[in-house]
Amino acid sequence: MKKSELKRVLGKWSLTAIGIGAIIGGGIFVLTGTGAYYHAGPALAISFIIAGIACVFAALCYSEFASMIPVEGSAYAYAYGTIGEVFAWIIGWGLILEYAMGSMTVAVSWSGYFNKLLKMFGIKLPDWLTQDPGSYTGDGFSMNLPAFLIVLFVISILIRGTKGAAKANNLIVILKVSAVIFVILAGAFFINTENWTPFIPEVAKVAEGETLKDAYGWAGIVSGASAIFFAYVGFDAVSTQAGEAINPKKDVPFAIIASLLVCTVLYILVSLVLTGMMNYQDFNPQGKYPDAIKAPVAYAFDIAGQKWAGYIITIAATVGLISVLMVMIMGQSRIFLGMAKDGLIPSIFRKVNPISGAPTKNLMILGAVIASVAAFTPINRLADMTSFGTLFAFTMVCIAVWILRVREPNLQRNFKVPALPLIAVCGILINVYLMINLSIQAQLLSLSWLGIGVIIYFIYSRKNSKLNNPS
């Protein structure tokens, strides 16, 4: 069993707050607009239910692993400690895709809300400083500078240590949950039930960039669940912090399930309120409200004539998305830490600062990469690849926990998945089905990423792993 070098400073509620901090963010404040317009229409609430159900199966499997192997590294560490290095590497490589792309997506999302906040106070940054080259319609150089800078700001917080970062996250989570409850209660007064009719729109073509794609109907609901699945990465982030949990065998399973249940209920209610306040077709980026898809919740209140509410939501989202970014980068760094301890990636990623208790060099390298890619890449491509990475990791965890139950039935398990074969099979099937329903481009890019991972394993990781070099 690996021993964590990190400081154990996180209790049950801090871990739950980390989960909620990661889950509440992109899903509610950003992806509700794209999910409604490009996929499901008012039936986006059903998409959130499907995605939530898929998460429950994976969450139960994560919880059983976390109760047995309380170290940093999430699903990677669980697989490494139970079913072998190759399987663990594939999961770890998928988790890198999940967390790195997720961090970049949130950074770009934060930039959208930050720009809206500046406009509310009469400040407008030039387009070439707020748009990636793929979205910029002008001539010459362009980059998303706010997305670049927010990553560097979060890194500066994280290198000071987990305890301070957790306190900051707790405060931001209280603000975010309050804002979400405010959206549900205040928005309920401005719902026009005609916007829910038809609740499941007929299949139609919508333009996404220069291509036309099918949307709506039951297929649109499923593809919507795939697209917004990125928003559920939070409970997975809880398991990456097991090495810093005070009582990981009990507190990590509790935090995983509690954060998932709380956020799923909030997601469903917000999606119903949002599509009731604003017709799903009004999120068209080429339509009457071209910016609504970037900050849908705030724009819904603006259009309802409640600009004061738009201020509250924009401020809450701008601050709130920082905690999502914080948790995702923290989770990614802990996965790197676990992989570096096993010799699968360079040792620079395993060095922990003895004063702050944080993997400082790991975080700085990670921050430089995430900031650079976020500044130059469109958000929809990032979000779909994040969903693929998340679904892939969840599928592998469901397989791994089932294999381990068969191989080692007598291992001590403080938490056991009920009806395991059924839960594992359901988790595998629904996650694979949602992966199939992602965009072809996202599937090809993600599979290419996994292919690169296999090559790296056989060229570098296998030769340098501690398993193959015990000395």
Protein backbone atom coordinates (compact mmCIF):
# COMPACT_ATOMS: atom_id res chain seq x y z
CA MET A 1 0.00 0.00 0.00
CA LYS A 2 1.37 3.42 -0.95
CA LYS A 3 1.72 5.99 1.81
CA SER A 4 0.69 9.55 1.08
CA GLU A 5 3.33 12.27 1.53
CA LEU A 6 0.63 14.93 1.48
CA LYS A 7 -0.75 16.52 4.65
CA ARG A 8 -4.06 15.03 5.85
CA VAL A 9 -6.08 18.19 6.44
CA LEU A 10 -9.48 17.53 4.79
CA GLY A 11 -12.55 16.45 6.77
CA LYS A 12 -15.88 15.04 5.57
CA TRP A 13 -17.50 18.39 4.83
CA SER A 14 -14.39 19.89 3.21
CA LEU A 15 -14.31 16.89 0.86
CA THR A 16 -18.03 17.29 0.11
CA ALA A 17 -17.43 21.00 -0.58
CA ILE A 18 -14.64 20.06 -2.99
CA GLY A 19 -17.08 17.79 -4.84
CA ILE A 20 -19.80 20.44 -4.97
CA GLY A 21 -17.17 23.04 -5.89
CA ALA A 22 -16.15 21.03 -8.93
CA ILE A 23 -19.62 19.93 -10.03
CA ILE A 24 -21.42 23.28 -9.77
CA GLY A 25 -19.91 25.48 -12.41
CA GLY A 26 -19.70 24.72 -16.10
CA GLY A 27 -22.86 22.61 -16.08
CA ILE A 28 -25.17 25.23 -14.64
CA PHE A 29 -23.54 28.50 -15.59
CA VAL A 30 -22.33 27.63 -19.11
CA LEU A 31 -23.35 24.28 -20.65
CA THR A 32 -27.08 24.76 -20.02
CA GLY A 33 -27.20 27.11 -23.02
CA THR A 34 -25.31 24.84 -25.41
CA GLY A 35 -27.16 21.76 -24.12
CA ALA A 36 -30.57 23.35 -24.70
CA TYR A 37 -29.87 24.81 -28.16
CA TYR A 38 -27.63 22.19 -29.75
CA HIS A 39 -29.13 19.07 -28.20
CA ALA A 40 -32.26 18.68 -26.08
CA GLY A 41 -34.34 21.87 -25.96
CA PRO A 42 -36.50 22.10 -22.79
CA ALA A 43 -35.90 18.37 -22.24
CA LEU A 44 -32.38 19.25 -21.06
CA ALA A 45 -33.66 18.37 -17.57
CA ILE A 46 -34.02 14.75 -18.76
CA SER A 47 -30.44 14.90 -20.09
CA PHE A 48 -29.26 15.87 -16.62
CA ILE A 49 -31.24 12.99 -15.10
CA ILE A 50 -29.67 10.47 -17.53
CA ALA A 51 -26.17 11.83 -16.87
CA GLY A 52 -26.84 11.77 -13.11
CA ILE A 53 -27.96 8.12 -13.25
CA ALA A 54 -24.80 7.21 -15.19
CA CYS A 55 -22.79 8.94 -12.47
CA VAL A 56 -24.50 7.07 -9.65
CA PHE A 57 -23.22 3.71 -10.96
CA ALA A 58 -19.68 5.04 -11.28
CA ALA A 59 -19.90 6.88 -7.92
CA LEU A 60 -20.75 3.66 -6.09
CA CYS A 61 -17.78 1.90 -7.70
CA TYR A 62 -15.46 4.83 -6.89
CA SER A 63 -16.67 4.70 -3.28
CA GLU A 64 -15.78 1.02 -2.87
CA PHE A 65 -12.28 1.64 -4.22
CA ALA A 66 -11.79 4.77 -2.10
CA SER A 67 -12.72 2.84 1.05
CA MET A 68 -9.93 0.33 0.32
CA ILE A 69 -7.13 2.45 -1.15
CA PRO A 70 -7.04 5.90 0.52
CA VAL A 71 -4.27 7.56 -1.54
CA GLU A 72 -4.11 10.36 -4.09
CA GLY A 73 -4.52 9.48 -7.77
CA SER A 74 -8.23 8.62 -8.04
CA ALA A 75 -9.13 5.74 -10.38
CA TYR A 76 -5.52 5.44 -11.53
CA ALA A 77 -4.32 4.55 -8.02
CA TYR A 78 -7.22 2.15 -7.51
CA ALA A 79 -6.42 0.24 -10.70
CA TYR A 80 -2.67 0.23 -10.03
CA GLY A 81 -3.13 -1.20 -6.57
CA THR A 82 -5.53 -3.90 -7.65
CA ILE A 83 -5.48 -5.04 -11.29
CA GLY A 84 -2.14 -4.00 -12.74
CA GLU A 85 0.01 -1.33 -14.31
CA VAL A 86 -1.15 -1.43 -17.96
CA PHE A 87 -4.81 -1.07 -16.99
CA ALA A 88 -3.87 1.70 -14.54
CA TRP A 89 -1.87 3.59 -17.18
CA ILE A 90 -4.81 3.57 -19.62
CA ILE A 91 -7.11 4.92 -16.88
CA GLY A 92 -4.54 7.51 -15.81
CA TRP A 93 -4.04 8.70 -19.39
CA GLY A 94 -7.83 9.04 -19.73
CA LEU A 95 -7.97 11.01 -16.47
CA ILE A 96 -5.31 13.41 -17.79
CA LEU A 97 -7.61 14.07 -20.75
CA GLU A 98 -10.58 14.53 -18.42
CA TYR A 99 -8.95 16.95 -15.99
CA ALA A 100 -6.71 18.90 -18.35
CA MET A 101 -9.49 19.48 -20.89
CA GLY A 102 -11.94 20.17 -18.06
CA SER A 103 -9.65 22.82 -16.59
CA MET A 104 -9.26 24.46 -19.99
CA THR A 105 -13.02 24.43 -20.58
CA VAL A 106 -13.71 26.09 -17.24
CA ALA A 107 -11.01 28.71 -17.88
CA VAL A 108 -12.68 29.63 -21.20
CA SER A 109 -16.11 29.64 -19.50
CA TRP A 110 -14.80 31.93 -16.76
CA SER A 111 -13.52 34.31 -19.42
CA GLY A 112 -17.05 34.58 -20.89
CA TYR A 113 -18.57 35.56 -17.54
CA PHE A 114 -15.67 37.88 -16.67
CA ASN A 115 -16.12 39.76 -19.96
CA LYS A 116 -19.85 40.09 -19.28
CA LEU A 117 -19.06 41.43 -15.81
CA LEU A 118 -16.69 44.03 -17.26
CA LYS A 119 -19.34 45.12 -19.81
CA MET A 120 -21.82 45.66 -16.96
CA PHE A 121 -19.44 48.29 -15.63
CA GLY A 122 -18.84 49.85 -19.04
CA ILE A 123 -15.51 48.15 -19.78
CA LYS A 124 -15.02 46.26 -23.05
CA LEU A 125 -11.81 44.44 -23.86
CA PRO A 126 -10.87 44.22 -27.56
CA ASP A 127 -12.04 41.05 -29.30
CA TRP A 128 -8.49 39.98 -30.16
CA LEU A 129 -7.73 39.74 -26.44
CA THR A 130 -10.85 37.73 -25.49
CA GLN A 131 -11.29 35.23 -28.35
CA ASP A 132 -9.31 32.20 -29.45
CA PRO A 133 -8.08 32.17 -33.08
CA GLY A 134 -10.85 29.75 -34.09
CA SER A 135 -13.59 32.11 -32.89
CA TYR A 136 -11.97 35.44 -33.84
CA THR A 137 -13.45 36.95 -37.01
CA GLY A 138 -10.94 39.78 -37.38
CA ASP A 139 -7.46 39.82 -38.89
CA GLY A 140 -4.17 39.19 -37.14
CA PHE A 141 -3.26 37.73 -33.75
CA SER A 142 -5.87 36.80 -31.12
CA MET A 143 -5.93 34.98 -27.78
CA ASN A 144 -8.22 34.53 -24.80
CA LEU A 145 -6.16 36.53 -22.31
CA PRO A 146 -8.62 36.30 -19.35
CA ALA A 147 -8.63 32.47 -19.64
CA PHE A 148 -4.82 32.49 -19.64
CA LEU A 149 -4.54 34.76 -16.59
CA ILE A 150 -7.17 33.02 -14.43
CA VAL A 151 -5.24 29.72 -14.67
CA LEU A 152 -2.08 31.44 -13.45
CA PHE A 153 -4.04 33.05 -10.60
CA VAL A 154 -5.42 29.68 -9.46
CA ILE A 155 -1.95 28.10 -9.62
CA SER A 156 -0.65 30.89 -7.36
CA ILE A 157 -3.28 29.87 -4.75
CA LEU A 158 -2.69 26.12 -5.03
CA ILE A 159 1.10 26.24 -4.61
CA ARG A 160 0.57 27.76 -1.15
CA GLY A 161 -0.97 24.51 0.11
CA THR A 162 -4.17 22.47 0.21
CA LYS A 163 -5.48 23.73 3.56
CA GLY A 164 -5.63 27.35 2.42
CA ALA A 165 -7.05 26.36 -0.97
CA ALA A 166 -9.75 24.26 0.76
CA LYS A 167 -10.79 27.23 2.95
CA ALA A 168 -11.06 29.47 -0.11
CA ASN A 169 -13.03 26.75 -1.90
CA ASN A 170 -15.46 26.38 1.03
CA LEU A 171 -16.30 30.10 0.93
CA ILE A 172 -16.76 30.08 -2.85
CA VAL A 173 -18.98 26.97 -2.66
CA ILE A 174 -21.27 28.72 -0.15
CA LEU A 175 -21.52 31.65 -2.56
CA LYS A 176 -22.21 29.39 -5.55
CA VAL A 177 -24.86 27.26 -3.88
CA SER A 178 -26.57 30.43 -2.64
CA ALA A 179 -26.53 31.81 -6.20
CA VAL A 180 -27.97 28.58 -7.62
CA ILE A 181 -30.78 28.53 -5.06
CA PHE A 182 -31.41 32.21 -5.87
CA VAL A 183 -31.68 31.35 -9.60
CA ILE A 184 -34.21 28.60 -8.85
CA LEU A 185 -36.38 30.68 -6.50
CA ALA A 186 -36.19 34.03 -8.33
CA GLY A 187 -36.35 32.51 -11.81
CA ALA A 188 -39.50 30.55 -10.95
CA PHE A 189 -41.45 33.85 -10.99
CA PHE A 190 -40.49 34.49 -14.64
CA ILE A 191 -41.20 31.08 -16.13
CA ASN A 192 -43.36 31.12 -19.27
CA THR A 193 -44.73 27.58 -19.60
CA GLU A 194 -45.13 28.11 -23.37
CA ASN A 195 -41.34 27.85 -23.59
CA TRP A 196 -41.67 24.23 -22.44
CA THR A 197 -43.99 23.39 -25.35
CA PRO A 198 -43.13 21.06 -26.94
CA PHE A 199 -41.03 19.74 -24.04
CA ILE A 200 -39.24 17.37 -26.44
CA PRO A 201 -38.94 19.27 -29.75
CA GLU A 202 -39.06 17.43 -33.06
CA VAL A 203 -35.75 16.51 -34.67
CA ALA A 204 -34.27 19.45 -36.58
CA LYS A 205 -30.99 20.63 -38.08
CA VAL A 206 -28.98 23.26 -36.22
CA ALA A 207 -25.81 25.01 -37.37
CA GLU A 208 -22.74 24.41 -35.24
CA GLY A 209 -20.00 26.48 -36.80
CA GLU A 210 -20.02 25.69 -40.51
CA THR A 211 -21.69 22.28 -40.18
CA LEU A 212 -25.30 21.20 -39.73
CA LYS A 213 -26.16 18.56 -37.12
CA ASP A 214 -29.30 16.79 -35.94
CA ALA A 215 -30.73 18.00 -32.63
CA TYR A 216 -33.76 17.40 -30.37
CA GLY A 217 -35.98 14.36 -30.04
CA TRP A 218 -34.85 11.44 -27.86
CA ALA A 219 -31.54 11.25 -29.72
CA GLY A 220 -30.97 14.89 -28.81
CA ILE A 221 -31.69 14.17 -25.14
CA VAL A 222 -29.06 11.40 -25.11
CA SER A 223 -26.48 13.47 -27.01
CA GLY A 224 -27.28 16.29 -24.55
CA ALA A 225 -26.52 13.96 -21.65
CA SER A 226 -23.19 13.12 -23.31
CA ALA A 227 -22.32 16.78 -23.92
CA ILE A 228 -23.16 18.03 -20.41
CA PHE A 229 -21.56 15.00 -18.73
CA PHE A 230 -18.46 17.15 -18.27
CA ALA A 231 -20.39 18.96 -15.53
CA TYR A 232 -20.39 15.86 -13.30
CA VAL A 233 -16.63 15.48 -12.99
CA GLY A 234 -16.74 16.82 -9.41
CA PHE A 235 -17.31 13.66 -7.41
CA ASP A 236 -14.35 12.11 -9.20
CA ALA A 237 -12.24 15.06 -7.98
CA VAL A 238 -13.10 14.07 -4.39
CA SER A 239 -11.30 10.76 -4.85
CA THR A 240 -8.13 12.51 -6.07
CA GLN A 241 -7.89 14.16 -2.64
CA ALA A 242 -7.97 10.90 -0.63
CA GLY A 243 -4.28 11.34 0.20
CA GLU A 244 -5.17 14.54 2.08
CA ALA A 245 -8.34 13.26 3.80
CA ILE A 246 -8.26 12.85 7.59
CA ASN A 247 -10.42 9.69 7.54
CA PRO A 248 -10.47 8.70 3.84
CA LYS A 249 -12.05 5.25 4.17
CA LYS A 250 -15.30 6.73 5.53
CA ASP A 251 -15.26 10.36 4.46
CA VAL A 252 -14.41 9.95 0.75
CA PRO A 253 -17.37 7.61 -0.04
CA PHE A 254 -19.69 9.94 1.92
CA ALA A 255 -18.44 13.05 0.07
CA ILE A 256 -18.63 11.37 -3.36
CA ILE A 257 -22.28 10.34 -2.99
CA ALA A 258 -23.44 13.45 -1.09
CA SER A 259 -21.96 15.94 -3.56
CA LEU A 260 -23.40 14.02 -6.53
CA LEU A 261 -26.93 13.86 -5.12
CA VAL A 262 -27.03 17.53 -4.08
CA CYS A 263 -25.78 18.78 -7.43
CA THR A 264 -27.97 16.53 -9.58
CA VAL A 265 -31.10 17.92 -7.92
CA LEU A 266 -29.86 21.50 -8.38
CA TYR A 267 -28.98 20.86 -12.05
CA ILE A 268 -32.43 19.52 -12.86
CA LEU A 269 -34.19 22.46 -11.20
CA VAL A 270 -31.97 25.11 -12.83
CA SER A 271 -32.36 23.61 -16.31
CA LEU A 272 -36.14 23.63 -15.91
CA VAL A 273 -36.13 27.25 -14.73
CA LEU A 274 -33.75 28.40 -17.47
CA THR A 275 -35.66 26.80 -20.36
CA GLY A 276 -38.88 28.12 -18.83
CA MET A 277 -37.56 31.69 -18.65
CA MET A 278 -36.02 31.72 -22.12
CA ASN A 279 -36.97 29.80 -25.26
CA TYR A 280 -34.28 27.27 -26.13
CA GLN A 281 -34.05 28.68 -29.69
CA ASP A 282 -32.99 32.05 -28.27
CA PHE A 283 -29.62 30.52 -27.33
CA ASN A 284 -28.73 30.50 -31.03
CA PRO A 285 -25.31 32.25 -31.29
CA GLN A 286 -26.38 33.56 -34.72
CA GLY A 287 -29.76 34.78 -33.46
CA LYS A 288 -31.24 37.72 -31.59
CA TYR A 289 -29.10 37.20 -28.46
CA PRO A 290 -25.71 36.02 -29.81
CA ASP A 291 -23.94 36.20 -26.42
CA ALA A 292 -26.64 34.34 -24.47
CA ILE A 293 -25.05 30.94 -25.10
CA LYS A 294 -21.83 32.09 -23.35
CA ALA A 295 -23.55 33.18 -20.12
CA PRO A 296 -27.07 31.71 -20.38
CA VAL A 297 -28.29 32.07 -16.79
CA ALA A 298 -27.36 35.74 -16.51
CA TYR A 299 -28.83 36.57 -19.94
CA ALA A 300 -32.11 34.85 -19.08
CA PHE A 301 -32.62 37.34 -16.24
CA ASP A 302 -31.46 40.24 -18.44
CA ILE A 303 -34.07 39.35 -21.06
CA ALA A 304 -36.71 39.02 -18.32
CA GLY A 305 -35.99 42.68 -17.46
CA GLN A 306 -34.27 41.82 -14.17
CA LYS A 307 -30.82 43.27 -14.78
CA TRP A 308 -30.15 43.47 -11.03
CA ALA A 309 -30.41 39.66 -10.88
CA GLY A 310 -28.05 39.43 -13.84
CA TYR A 311 -25.46 41.34 -11.81
CA ILE A 312 -25.77 38.92 -8.87
CA ILE A 313 -25.54 35.83 -11.08
CA THR A 314 -22.66 37.16 -13.17
CA ILE A 315 -20.63 38.01 -10.07
CA ALA A 316 -21.43 34.63 -8.46
CA ALA A 317 -20.56 32.73 -11.65
CA THR A 318 -17.34 34.68 -12.17
CA VAL A 319 -16.21 33.95 -8.62
CA GLY A 320 -17.75 30.47 -8.53
CA LEU A 321 -16.03 29.13 -11.62
CA ILE A 322 -12.69 29.83 -9.93
CA SER A 323 -13.38 27.04 -7.43
CA VAL A 324 -14.19 24.60 -10.27
CA LEU A 325 -10.88 25.44 -11.90
CA MET A 326 -9.11 25.14 -8.54
CA VAL A 327 -10.48 21.65 -7.85
CA MET A 328 -9.79 20.37 -11.37
CA ILE A 329 -6.18 21.55 -11.44
CA MET A 330 -5.67 20.21 -7.90
CA GLY A 331 -7.10 16.85 -8.98
CA GLN A 332 -4.93 16.71 -12.11
CA SER A 333 -1.77 17.45 -10.11
CA ARG A 334 -2.56 14.61 -7.67
CA ILE A 335 -3.03 12.15 -10.54
CA PHE A 336 0.36 13.21 -11.91
CA LEU A 337 1.80 12.80 -8.42
CA GLY A 338 0.52 9.22 -8.16
CA MET A 339 1.78 8.30 -11.65
CA ALA A 340 5.20 9.87 -10.97
CA LYS A 341 5.56 7.87 -7.71
CA ASP A 342 5.16 4.71 -9.78
CA GLY A 343 7.78 5.87 -12.29
CA LEU A 344 5.34 6.11 -15.20
CA ILE A 345 6.00 9.83 -15.79
CA PRO A 346 9.11 11.93 -14.95
CA SER A 347 10.02 12.26 -11.26
CA ILE A 348 9.70 16.07 -11.29
CA PHE A 349 5.92 15.57 -10.95
CA ARG A 350 6.27 13.73 -7.62
CA LYS A 351 8.21 16.33 -5.64
CA VAL A 352 6.17 17.74 -2.73
CA ASN A 353 7.13 21.04 -1.10
CA PRO A 354 7.78 20.18 2.59
CA ILE A 355 6.52 23.57 3.80
CA SER A 356 3.28 23.97 1.83
CA GLY A 357 2.62 20.23 1.39
CA ALA A 358 1.80 20.86 -2.29
CA PRO A 359 3.49 19.45 -5.44
CA THR A 360 4.73 22.91 -6.49
CA LYS A 361 6.72 22.10 -9.67
CA ASN A 362 3.97 19.74 -10.78
CA LEU A 363 1.41 22.56 -10.46
CA MET A 364 3.57 25.12 -12.24
CA ILE A 365 4.18 22.89 -15.29
CA LEU A 366 0.51 21.94 -15.39
CA GLY A 367 -0.59 25.57 -15.12
CA ALA A 368 1.64 26.68 -18.00
CA VAL A 369 0.18 24.02 -20.32
CA ILE A 370 -3.48 24.55 -19.32
CA ALA A 371 -3.21 28.36 -19.57
CA SER A 372 -1.62 28.21 -23.02
CA VAL A 373 -4.14 25.76 -24.53
CA ALA A 374 -7.16 27.54 -22.96
CA ALA A 375 -6.02 30.81 -24.55
CA PHE A 376 -6.11 29.39 -28.09
CA THR A 377 -8.82 26.66 -28.26
CA PRO A 378 -12.65 26.86 -28.78
CA ILE A 379 -14.79 25.79 -25.80
CA ASN A 380 -17.08 23.25 -27.55
CA ARG A 381 -14.13 21.09 -28.67
CA LEU A 382 -12.66 21.14 -25.15
CA ALA A 383 -15.97 20.23 -23.44
CA ASP A 384 -16.64 17.20 -25.66
CA MET A 385 -13.13 15.80 -25.15
CA THR A 386 -13.54 16.29 -21.39
CA SER A 387 -16.78 14.29 -21.49
CA PHE A 388 -15.04 11.48 -23.37
CA GLY A 389 -12.23 11.34 -20.81
CA THR A 390 -14.71 11.31 -17.92
CA LEU A 391 -16.92 8.60 -19.44
CA PHE A 392 -13.89 6.48 -20.32
CA ALA A 393 -12.53 6.69 -16.76
CA PHE A 394 -15.93 5.85 -15.28
CA THR A 395 -16.25 2.80 -17.55
CA MET A 396 -12.80 1.54 -16.52
CA VAL A 397 -13.62 1.97 -12.81
CA CYS A 398 -16.82 -0.07 -13.16
CA ILE A 399 -14.82 -2.84 -14.88
CA ALA A 400 -11.97 -2.68 -12.35
CA VAL A 401 -14.09 -2.88 -9.20
CA TRP A 402 -15.95 -5.90 -10.63
CA ILE A 403 -12.67 -7.68 -11.51
CA LEU A 404 -11.29 -7.02 -8.03
CA ARG A 405 -14.43 -8.34 -6.32
CA VAL A 406 -14.00 -11.61 -8.25
CA ARG A 407 -10.22 -11.85 -7.73
CA GLU A 408 -10.06 -10.73 -4.09
CA PRO A 409 -13.45 -11.32 -2.50
CA ASN A 410 -12.03 -11.32 1.06
CA LEU A 411 -10.36 -7.89 1.01
CA GLN A 412 -11.61 -5.49 3.69
CA ARG A 413 -14.12 -3.10 2.16
CA ASN A 414 -15.51 -0.35 4.41
CA PHE A 415 -18.03 0.37 1.67
CA LYS A 416 -19.40 -2.28 -0.71
CA VAL A 417 -21.37 -1.64 -3.90
CA PRO A 418 -24.77 -3.33 -3.53
CA ALA A 419 -25.71 -5.80 -6.31
CA LEU A 420 -22.28 -5.28 -7.86
CA PRO A 421 -22.57 -7.23 -11.13
CA LEU A 422 -25.79 -5.39 -12.01
CA ILE A 423 -24.45 -1.94 -10.99
CA ALA A 424 -21.16 -2.48 -12.86
CA VAL A 425 -22.87 -3.70 -16.04
CA CYS A 426 -25.32 -0.77 -15.99
CA GLY A 427 -22.45 1.67 -15.44
CA ILE A 428 -20.41 0.19 -18.30
CA LEU A 429 -23.32 0.14 -20.76
CA ILE A 430 -24.63 3.65 -20.10
CA ASN A 431 -21.15 5.22 -20.13
CA VAL A 432 -20.19 3.51 -23.41
CA TYR A 433 -23.55 4.52 -24.92
CA LEU A 434 -22.98 8.16 -23.96
CA MET A 435 -19.44 8.04 -25.42
CA ILE A 436 -20.87 6.80 -28.72
CA ASN A 437 -23.24 9.78 -28.76
CA LEU A 438 -20.48 12.39 -28.52
CA SER A 439 -19.45 14.22 -31.70
CA ILE A 440 -17.38 12.23 -34.19
CA GLN A 441 -14.63 14.84 -33.97
CA ALA A 442 -14.44 14.49 -30.17
CA GLN A 443 -14.35 10.69 -30.46
CA LEU A 444 -11.52 10.75 -33.02
CA LEU A 445 -9.45 13.31 -31.08
CA SER A 446 -9.96 11.41 -27.82
CA LEU A 447 -9.12 8.01 -29.33
CA SER A 448 -6.00 9.59 -30.86
CA TRP A 449 -5.07 10.79 -27.37
CA LEU A 450 -5.47 7.26 -25.96
CA GLY A 451 -3.38 5.89 -28.86
CA ILE A 452 -0.59 8.36 -28.04
CA GLY A 453 -0.82 7.20 -24.41
CA VAL A 454 -0.26 3.55 -25.39
CA ILE A 455 2.82 4.53 -27.44
CA ILE A 456 4.26 6.56 -24.53
CA TYR A 457 3.70 3.66 -22.15
CA PHE A 458 5.73 1.22 -24.24
CA ILE A 459 8.45 3.74 -25.15
CA TYR A 460 8.97 5.36 -21.73
CA SER A 461 6.69 4.31 -18.88
CA ARG A 462 7.13 0.54 -19.01
CA LYS A 463 10.94 0.87 -19.00
CA ASN A 464 10.99 3.34 -16.10
CA SER A 465 8.19 2.00 -13.91
CA LYS A 466 9.07 0.95 -10.37
CA LEU A 467 7.12 -2.26 -10.89
CA ASN A 468 9.61 -3.30 -13.59
CA ASN A 469 12.61 -1.77 -11.77
CA PRO A 470 12.18 -2.70 -8.06
CA SER A 471 15.66 -1.42 -7.15
